[in-house]
Amino acid sequence: MQKVIDFQVPIYELAQKYPDFVDTMVDLGFTKIKIPGMLTSVGRIVNLNKGSRAMGIDKDKIKAAFEAKGYEVINFDN
């Protein structure tokens, strides 16, 4: 099964689908994702495009990290 990270999908959905997603996000600097309730509340409306802007984390860095773990990255430029 191909693992796909879609930059338009809410991070909550990606976290539900892929067990290693949250750990990868924390490694990239998205430390607030570990705050209790953050993923289930804000994570339902924030996607990777919005999250990268809000946290000031380069989208290319996010893309490279997930590709290194075998993910296909889509909707990166939206």
PDB file of N, CA and C in Angstrom:
ATOM      1  N   MET A   1       0.828  -1.186   0.000  1.00  0.00           N
ATOM      2  CA  MET A   1       0.000   0.000   0.000  1.00  0.00           C
ATOM      3  C   MET A   1       0.870   1.246   0.000  1.00  0.00           C
ATOM      4  N   GLN A   2       0.604   2.142  -0.917  1.00  0.00           N
ATOM      5  CA  GLN A   2       1.354   3.390  -1.025  1.00  0.00           C
ATOM      6  C   GLN A   2       0.939   4.355   0.077  1.00  0.00           C
ATOM      7  N   LYS A   3       1.911   4.896   0.781  1.00  0.00           N
ATOM      8  CA  LYS A   3       1.635   5.910   1.799  1.00  0.00           C
ATOM      9  C   LYS A   3       1.673   7.272   1.108  1.00  0.00           C
ATOM     10  N   VAL A   4       0.616   8.068   1.313  1.00  0.00           N
ATOM     11  CA  VAL A   4       0.489   9.350   0.622  1.00  0.00           C
ATOM     12  C   VAL A   4       0.244  10.463   1.635  1.00  0.00           C
ATOM     13  N   ILE A   5       1.057  11.506   1.551  1.00  0.00           N
ATOM     14  CA  ILE A   5       0.853  12.706   2.356  1.00  0.00           C
ATOM     15  C   ILE A   5       0.315  13.779   1.427  1.00  0.00           C
ATOM     16  N   ASP A   6      -0.914  14.183   1.687  1.00  0.00           N
ATOM     17  CA  ASP A   6      -1.575  15.223   0.906  1.00  0.00           C
ATOM     18  C   ASP A   6      -1.554  16.512   1.733  1.00  0.00           C
ATOM     19  N   PHE A   7      -0.906  17.536   1.226  1.00  0.00           N
ATOM     20  CA  PHE A   7      -0.758  18.796   1.957  1.00  0.00           C
ATOM     21  C   PHE A   7      -2.082  19.530   2.159  1.00  0.00           C
ATOM     22  N   GLN A   8      -3.171  19.046   1.535  1.00  0.00           N
ATOM     23  CA  GLN A   8      -4.480  19.674   1.690  1.00  0.00           C
ATOM     24  C   GLN A   8      -5.375  18.950   2.700  1.00  0.00           C
ATOM     25  N   VAL A   9      -4.970  17.780   3.148  1.00  0.00           N
ATOM     26  CA  VAL A   9      -5.761  16.981   4.086  1.00  0.00           C
ATOM     27  C   VAL A   9      -5.451  17.429   5.516  1.00  0.00           C
ATOM     28  N   PRO A  10      -6.466  17.562   6.366  1.00  0.00           N
ATOM     29  CA  PRO A  10      -6.216  17.945   7.767  1.00  0.00           C
ATOM     30  C   PRO A  10      -5.236  16.984   8.443  1.00  0.00           C
ATOM     31  N   ILE A  11      -4.367  17.535   9.280  1.00  0.00           N
ATOM     32  CA  ILE A  11      -3.343  16.712   9.912  1.00  0.00           C
ATOM     33  C   ILE A  11      -3.950  15.638  10.813  1.00  0.00           C
ATOM     34  N   TYR A  12      -5.125  15.880  11.360  1.00  0.00           N
ATOM     35  CA  TYR A  12      -5.797  14.859  12.169  1.00  0.00           C
ATOM     36  C   TYR A  12      -6.036  13.591  11.349  1.00  0.00           C
ATOM     37  N   GLU A  13      -6.506  13.753  10.121  1.00  0.00           N
ATOM     38  CA  GLU A  13      -6.774  12.598   9.258  1.00  0.00           C
ATOM     39  C   GLU A  13      -5.491  11.851   8.920  1.00  0.00           C
ATOM     40  N   LEU A  14      -4.416  12.586   8.652  1.00  0.00           N
ATOM     41  CA  LEU A  14      -3.137  11.944   8.346  1.00  0.00           C
ATOM     42  C   LEU A  14      -2.608  11.185   9.558  1.00  0.00           C
ATOM     43  N   ALA A  15      -2.778  11.755  10.739  1.00  0.00           N
ATOM     44  CA  ALA A  15      -2.329  11.104  11.971  1.00  0.00           C
ATOM     45  C   ALA A  15      -3.120   9.823  12.237  1.00  0.00           C
ATOM     46  N   GLN A  16      -4.410   9.825  11.907  1.00  0.00           N
ATOM     47  CA  GLN A  16      -5.245   8.635  12.097  1.00  0.00           C
ATOM     48  C   GLN A  16      -4.839   7.524  11.126  1.00  0.00           C
ATOM     49  N   LYS A  17      -4.427   7.921   9.949  1.00  0.00           N
ATOM     50  CA  LYS A  17      -4.106   6.958   8.894  1.00  0.00           C
ATOM     51  C   LYS A  17      -2.703   6.369   9.025  1.00  0.00           C
ATOM     52  N   TYR A  18      -1.747   7.179   9.485  1.00  0.00           N
ATOM     53  CA  TYR A  18      -0.344   6.761   9.533  1.00  0.00           C
ATOM     54  C   TYR A  18       0.213   6.909  10.949  1.00  0.00           C
ATOM     55  N   PRO A  19       0.527   5.791  11.609  1.00  0.00           N
ATOM     56  CA  PRO A  19       1.007   5.833  13.001  1.00  0.00           C
ATOM     57  C   PRO A  19       2.286   6.652  13.215  1.00  0.00           C
ATOM     58  N   ASP A  20       3.156   6.728  12.220  1.00  0.00           N
ATOM     59  CA  ASP A  20       4.422   7.457  12.393  1.00  0.00           C
ATOM     60  C   ASP A  20       4.311   8.944  12.062  1.00  0.00           C
ATOM     61  N   PHE A  21       3.144   9.396  11.646  1.00  0.00           N
ATOM     62  CA  PHE A  21       2.963  10.783  11.214  1.00  0.00           C
ATOM     63  C   PHE A  21       3.282  11.785  12.321  1.00  0.00           C
ATOM     64  N   VAL A  22       2.727  11.591  13.506  1.00  0.00           N
ATOM     65  CA  VAL A  22       2.917  12.555  14.603  1.00  0.00           C
ATOM     66  C   VAL A  22       4.383  12.638  15.003  1.00  0.00           C
ATOM     67  N   ASP A  23       5.061  11.507  15.107  1.00  0.00           N
ATOM     68  CA  ASP A  23       6.486  11.532  15.478  1.00  0.00           C
ATOM     69  C   ASP A  23       7.313  12.283  14.435  1.00  0.00           C
ATOM     70  N   THR A  24       7.000  12.089  13.178  1.00  0.00           N
ATOM     71  CA  THR A  24       7.708  12.807  12.115  1.00  0.00           C
ATOM     72  C   THR A  24       7.454  14.301  12.226  1.00  0.00           C
ATOM     73  N   MET A  25       6.213  14.673  12.489  1.00  0.00           N
ATOM     74  CA  MET A  25       5.871  16.087  12.639  1.00  0.00           C
ATOM     75  C   MET A  25       6.619  16.719  13.819  1.00  0.00           C
ATOM     76  N   VAL A  26       6.703  16.016  14.931  1.00  0.00           N
ATOM     77  CA  VAL A  26       7.429  16.529  16.104  1.00  0.00           C
ATOM     78  C   VAL A  26       8.906  16.702  15.756  1.00  0.00           C
ATOM     79  N   ASP A  27       9.487  15.723  15.068  1.00  0.00           N
ATOM     80  CA  ASP A  27      10.891  15.813  14.646  1.00  0.00           C
ATOM     81  C   ASP A  27      11.143  17.024  13.753  1.00  0.00           C
ATOM     82  N   LEU A  28      10.124  17.424  12.992  1.00  0.00           N
ATOM     83  CA  LEU A  28      10.245  18.578  12.094  1.00  0.00           C
ATOM     84  C   LEU A  28      10.071  19.911  12.818  1.00  0.00           C
ATOM     85  N   GLY A  29       9.604  19.870  14.064  1.00  0.00           N
ATOM     86  CA  GLY A  29       9.433  21.105  14.825  1.00  0.00           C
ATOM     87  C   GLY A  29       7.997  21.452  15.164  1.00  0.00           C
ATOM     88  N   PHE A  30       7.063  20.597  14.778  1.00  0.00           N
ATOM     89  CA  PHE A  30       5.658  20.814  15.111  1.00  0.00           C
ATOM     90  C   PHE A  30       5.374  20.263  16.510  1.00  0.00           C
ATOM     91  N   THR A  31       6.007  20.841  17.508  1.00  0.00           N
ATOM     92  CA  THR A  31       5.926  20.313  18.868  1.00  0.00           C
ATOM     93  C   THR A  31       4.546  20.505  19.499  1.00  0.00           C
ATOM     94  N   LYS A  32       3.793  21.488  19.047  1.00  0.00           N
ATOM     95  CA  LYS A  32       2.466  21.741  19.623  1.00  0.00           C
ATOM     96  C   LYS A  32       1.483  20.609  19.324  1.00  0.00           C
ATOM     97  N   ILE A  33       1.809  19.768  18.369  1.00  0.00           N
ATOM     98  CA  ILE A  33       0.933  18.661  18.014  1.00  0.00           C
ATOM     99  C   ILE A  33       0.800  17.670  19.177  1.00  0.00           C
ATOM    100  N   LYS A  34       1.762  17.701  20.093  1.00  0.00           N
ATOM    101  CA  LYS A  34       1.753  16.788  21.246  1.00  0.00           C
ATOM    102  C   LYS A  34       0.943  17.336  22.421  1.00  0.00           C
ATOM    103  N   ILE A  35       0.526  18.595  22.368  1.00  0.00           N
ATOM    104  CA  ILE A  35      -0.274  19.172  23.446  1.00  0.00           C
ATOM    105  C   ILE A  35      -1.619  18.444  23.469  1.00  0.00           C
ATOM    106  N   PRO A  36      -2.036  17.957  24.641  1.00  0.00           N
ATOM    107  CA  PRO A  36      -3.307  17.223  24.714  1.00  0.00           C
ATOM    108  C   PRO A  36      -4.468  18.020  24.097  1.00  0.00           C
ATOM    109  N   GLY A  37      -5.180  17.366  23.216  1.00  0.00           N
ATOM    110  CA  GLY A  37      -6.335  17.982  22.574  1.00  0.00           C
ATOM    111  C   GLY A  37      -6.027  18.772  21.316  1.00  0.00           C
ATOM    112  N   MET A  38      -4.784  19.132  21.095  1.00  0.00           N
ATOM    113  CA  MET A  38      -4.435  19.958  19.932  1.00  0.00           C
ATOM    114  C   MET A  38      -4.725  19.231  18.615  1.00  0.00           C
ATOM    115  N   LEU A  39      -4.321  17.986  18.535  1.00  0.00           N
ATOM    116  CA  LEU A  39      -4.521  17.228  17.302  1.00  0.00           C
ATOM    117  C   LEU A  39      -6.004  17.027  17.004  1.00  0.00           C
ATOM    118  N   THR A  40      -6.784  16.739  18.030  1.00  0.00           N
ATOM    119  CA  THR A  40      -8.202  16.461  17.816  1.00  0.00           C
ATOM    120  C   THR A  40      -9.051  17.720  17.647  1.00  0.00           C
ATOM    121  N   SER A  41      -8.499  18.867  17.975  1.00  0.00           N
ATOM    122  CA  SER A  41      -9.267  20.106  17.794  1.00  0.00           C
ATOM    123  C   SER A  41      -8.740  20.870  16.581  1.00  0.00           C
ATOM    124  N   VAL A  42      -7.648  21.546  16.735  1.00  0.00           N
ATOM    125  CA  VAL A  42      -7.064  22.340  15.648  1.00  0.00           C
ATOM    126  C   VAL A  42      -6.652  21.449  14.478  1.00  0.00           C
ATOM    127  N   GLY A  43      -6.208  20.245  14.793  1.00  0.00           N
ATOM    128  CA  GLY A  43      -5.766  19.315  13.758  1.00  0.00           C
ATOM    129  C   GLY A  43      -6.845  18.914  12.780  1.00  0.00           C
ATOM    130  N   ARG A  44      -8.089  19.109  13.146  1.00  0.00           N
ATOM    131  CA  ARG A  44      -9.193  18.764  12.249  1.00  0.00           C
ATOM    132  C   ARG A  44      -9.397  19.814  11.149  1.00  0.00           C
ATOM    133  N   ILE A  45      -8.852  21.031  11.351  1.00  0.00           N
ATOM    134  CA  ILE A  45      -9.042  22.084  10.344  1.00  0.00           C
ATOM    135  C   ILE A  45      -7.735  22.550   9.699  1.00  0.00           C
ATOM    136  N   VAL A  46      -6.608  22.238  10.316  1.00  0.00           N
ATOM    137  CA  VAL A  46      -5.308  22.685   9.792  1.00  0.00           C
ATOM    138  C   VAL A  46      -4.688  21.577   8.951  1.00  0.00           C
ATOM    139  N   ASN A  47      -4.267  21.943   7.745  1.00  0.00           N
ATOM    140  CA  ASN A  47      -3.542  20.998   6.896  1.00  0.00           C
ATOM    141  C   ASN A  47      -2.055  21.367   6.920  1.00  0.00           C
ATOM    142  N   LEU A  48      -1.236  20.629   6.196  1.00  0.00           N
ATOM    143  CA  LEU A  48       0.205  20.895   6.221  1.00  0.00           C
ATOM    144  C   LEU A  48       0.565  22.237   5.603  1.00  0.00           C
ATOM    145  N   ASN A  49      -0.172  22.681   4.608  1.00  0.00           N
ATOM    146  CA  ASN A  49       0.094  24.005   4.031  1.00  0.00           C
ATOM    147  C   ASN A  49      -0.105  25.096   5.084  1.00  0.00           C
ATOM    148  N   LYS A  50      -1.236  25.071   5.768  1.00  0.00           N
ATOM    149  CA  LYS A  50      -1.522  26.074   6.799  1.00  0.00           C
ATOM    150  C   LYS A  50      -0.571  25.932   7.987  1.00  0.00           C
ATOM    151  N   GLY A  51      -0.326  24.710   8.395  1.00  0.00           N
ATOM    152  CA  GLY A  51       0.546  24.453   9.546  1.00  0.00           C
ATOM    153  C   GLY A  51       1.974  24.906   9.314  1.00  0.00           C
ATOM    154  N   SER A  52       2.479  24.677   8.104  1.00  0.00           N
ATOM    155  CA  SER A  52       3.854  25.088   7.812  1.00  0.00           C
ATOM    156  C   SER A  52       3.989  26.606   7.855  1.00  0.00           C
ATOM    157  N   ARG A  53       2.971  27.311   7.341  1.00  0.00           N
ATOM    158  CA  ARG A  53       2.982  28.786   7.404  1.00  0.00           C
ATOM    159  C   ARG A  53       2.890  29.262   8.856  1.00  0.00           C
ATOM    160  N   ALA A  54       1.979  28.683   9.609  1.00  0.00           N
ATOM    161  CA  ALA A  54       1.763  29.110  10.993  1.00  0.00           C
ATOM    162  C   ALA A  54       2.996  28.888  11.860  1.00  0.00           C
ATOM    163  N   MET A  55       3.701  27.790  11.637  1.00  0.00           N
ATOM    164  CA  MET A  55       4.861  27.453  12.466  1.00  0.00           C
ATOM    165  C   MET A  55       6.181  27.953  11.867  1.00  0.00           C
ATOM    166  N   GLY A  56       6.139  28.457  10.641  1.00  0.00           N
ATOM    167  CA  GLY A  56       7.352  28.951  10.001  1.00  0.00           C
ATOM    168  C   GLY A  56       8.324  27.834   9.640  1.00  0.00           C
ATOM    169  N   ILE A  57       7.787  26.682   9.276  1.00  0.00           N
ATOM    170  CA  ILE A  57       8.617  25.534   8.905  1.00  0.00           C
ATOM    171  C   ILE A  57       8.533  25.359   7.390  1.00  0.00           C
ATOM    172  N   ASP A  58       9.688  25.277   6.764  1.00  0.00           N
ATOM    173  CA  ASP A  58       9.799  25.196   5.315  1.00  0.00           C
ATOM    174  C   ASP A  58       9.099  23.952   4.765  1.00  0.00           C
ATOM    175  N   LYS A  59       8.228  24.156   3.787  1.00  0.00           N
ATOM    176  CA  LYS A  59       7.489  23.049   3.191  1.00  0.00           C
ATOM    177  C   LYS A  59       8.417  22.037   2.515  1.00  0.00           C
ATOM    178  N   ASP A  60       9.517  22.514   1.942  1.00  0.00           N
ATOM    179  CA  ASP A  60      10.464  21.591   1.309  1.00  0.00           C
ATOM    180  C   ASP A  60      11.062  20.634   2.338  1.00  0.00           C
ATOM    181  N   LYS A  61      11.291  21.136   3.540  1.00  0.00           N
ATOM    182  CA  LYS A  61      11.827  20.298   4.622  1.00  0.00           C
ATOM    183  C   LYS A  61      10.809  19.220   5.005  1.00  0.00           C
ATOM    184  N   ILE A  62       9.540  19.599   5.071  1.00  0.00           N
ATOM    185  CA  ILE A  62       8.475  18.648   5.401  1.00  0.00           C
ATOM    186  C   ILE A  62       8.377  17.584   4.316  1.00  0.00           C
ATOM    187  N   LYS A  63       8.357  18.038   3.074  1.00  0.00           N
ATOM    188  CA  LYS A  63       8.257  17.116   1.937  1.00  0.00           C
ATOM    189  C   LYS A  63       9.421  16.126   1.950  1.00  0.00           C
ATOM    190  N   ALA A  64      10.629  16.621   2.130  1.00  0.00           N
ATOM    191  CA  ALA A  64      11.810  15.752   2.129  1.00  0.00           C
ATOM    192  C   ALA A  64      11.759  14.724   3.254  1.00  0.00           C
ATOM    193  N   ALA A  65      11.296  15.134   4.426  1.00  0.00           N
ATOM    194  CA  ALA A  65      11.230  14.215   5.570  1.00  0.00           C
ATOM    195  C   ALA A  65      10.264  13.071   5.302  1.00  0.00           C
ATOM    196  N   PHE A  66       9.108  13.386   4.735  1.00  0.00           N
ATOM    197  CA  PHE A  66       8.138  12.324   4.464  1.00  0.00           C
ATOM    198  C   PHE A  66       8.567  11.453   3.286  1.00  0.00           C
ATOM    199  N   GLU A  67       9.180  12.040   2.282  1.00  0.00           N
ATOM    200  CA  GLU A  67       9.677  11.235   1.165  1.00  0.00           C
ATOM    201  C   GLU A  67      10.777  10.285   1.625  1.00  0.00           C
ATOM    202  N   ALA A  68      11.605  10.732   2.558  1.00  0.00           N
ATOM    203  CA  ALA A  68      12.663   9.879   3.094  1.00  0.00           C
ATOM    204  C   ALA A  68      12.093   8.670   3.840  1.00  0.00           C
ATOM    205  N   LYS A  69      10.861   8.797   4.314  1.00  0.00           N
ATOM    206  CA  LYS A  69      10.203   7.695   5.023  1.00  0.00           C
ATOM    207  C   LYS A  69       9.302   6.877   4.101  1.00  0.00           C
ATOM    208  N   GLY A  70       9.408   7.125   2.796  1.00  0.00           N
ATOM    209  CA  GLY A  70       8.691   6.313   1.830  1.00  0.00           C
ATOM    210  C   GLY A  70       7.320   6.810   1.429  1.00  0.00           C
ATOM    211  N   TYR A  71       6.995   8.028   1.782  1.00  0.00           N
ATOM    212  CA  TYR A  71       5.695   8.601   1.427  1.00  0.00           C
ATOM    213  C   TYR A  71       5.757   9.273   0.067  1.00  0.00           C
ATOM    214  N   GLU A  72       4.644   9.247  -0.631  1.00  0.00           N
ATOM    215  CA  GLU A  72       4.467  10.080  -1.816  1.00  0.00           C
ATOM    216  C   GLU A  72       3.807  11.370  -1.328  1.00  0.00           C
ATOM    217  N   VAL A  73       4.321  12.507  -1.749  1.00  0.00           N
ATOM    218  CA  VAL A  73       3.770  13.793  -1.336  1.00  0.00           C
ATOM    219  C   VAL A  73       2.988  14.403  -2.488  1.00  0.00           C
ATOM    220  N   ILE A  74       1.708  14.772  -2.205  1.00  0.00           N
ATOM    221  CA  ILE A  74       0.867  15.367  -3.245  1.00  0.00           C
ATOM    222  C   ILE A  74       0.278  16.696  -2.751  1.00  0.00           C
ATOM    223  N   ASN A  75      -0.217  17.481  -3.683  1.00  0.00           N
ATOM    224  CA  ASN A  75      -0.796  18.808  -3.402  1.00  0.00           C
ATOM    225  C   ASN A  75       0.153  19.690  -2.593  1.00  0.00           C
ATOM    226  N   PHE A  76       1.425  19.561  -2.889  1.00  0.00           N
ATOM    227  CA  PHE A  76       2.475  20.290  -2.202  1.00  0.00           C
ATOM    228  C   PHE A  76       2.458  21.770  -2.548  1.00  0.00           C
ATOM    229  N   ASP A  77       2.140  22.094  -3.784  1.00  0.00           N
ATOM    230  CA  ASP A  77       2.228  23.484  -4.252  1.00  0.00           C
ATOM    231  C   ASP A  77       0.965  24.292  -4.062  1.00  0.00           C
ATOM    232  N   ASN A  78      -0.063  23.712  -3.489  1.00  0.00           N
ATOM    233  CA  ASN A  78      -1.328  24.434  -3.314  1.00  0.00           C
ATOM    234  C   ASN A  78      -1.313  25.293  -2.075  1.00  0.00           C
TER     235      ASN A  78
END
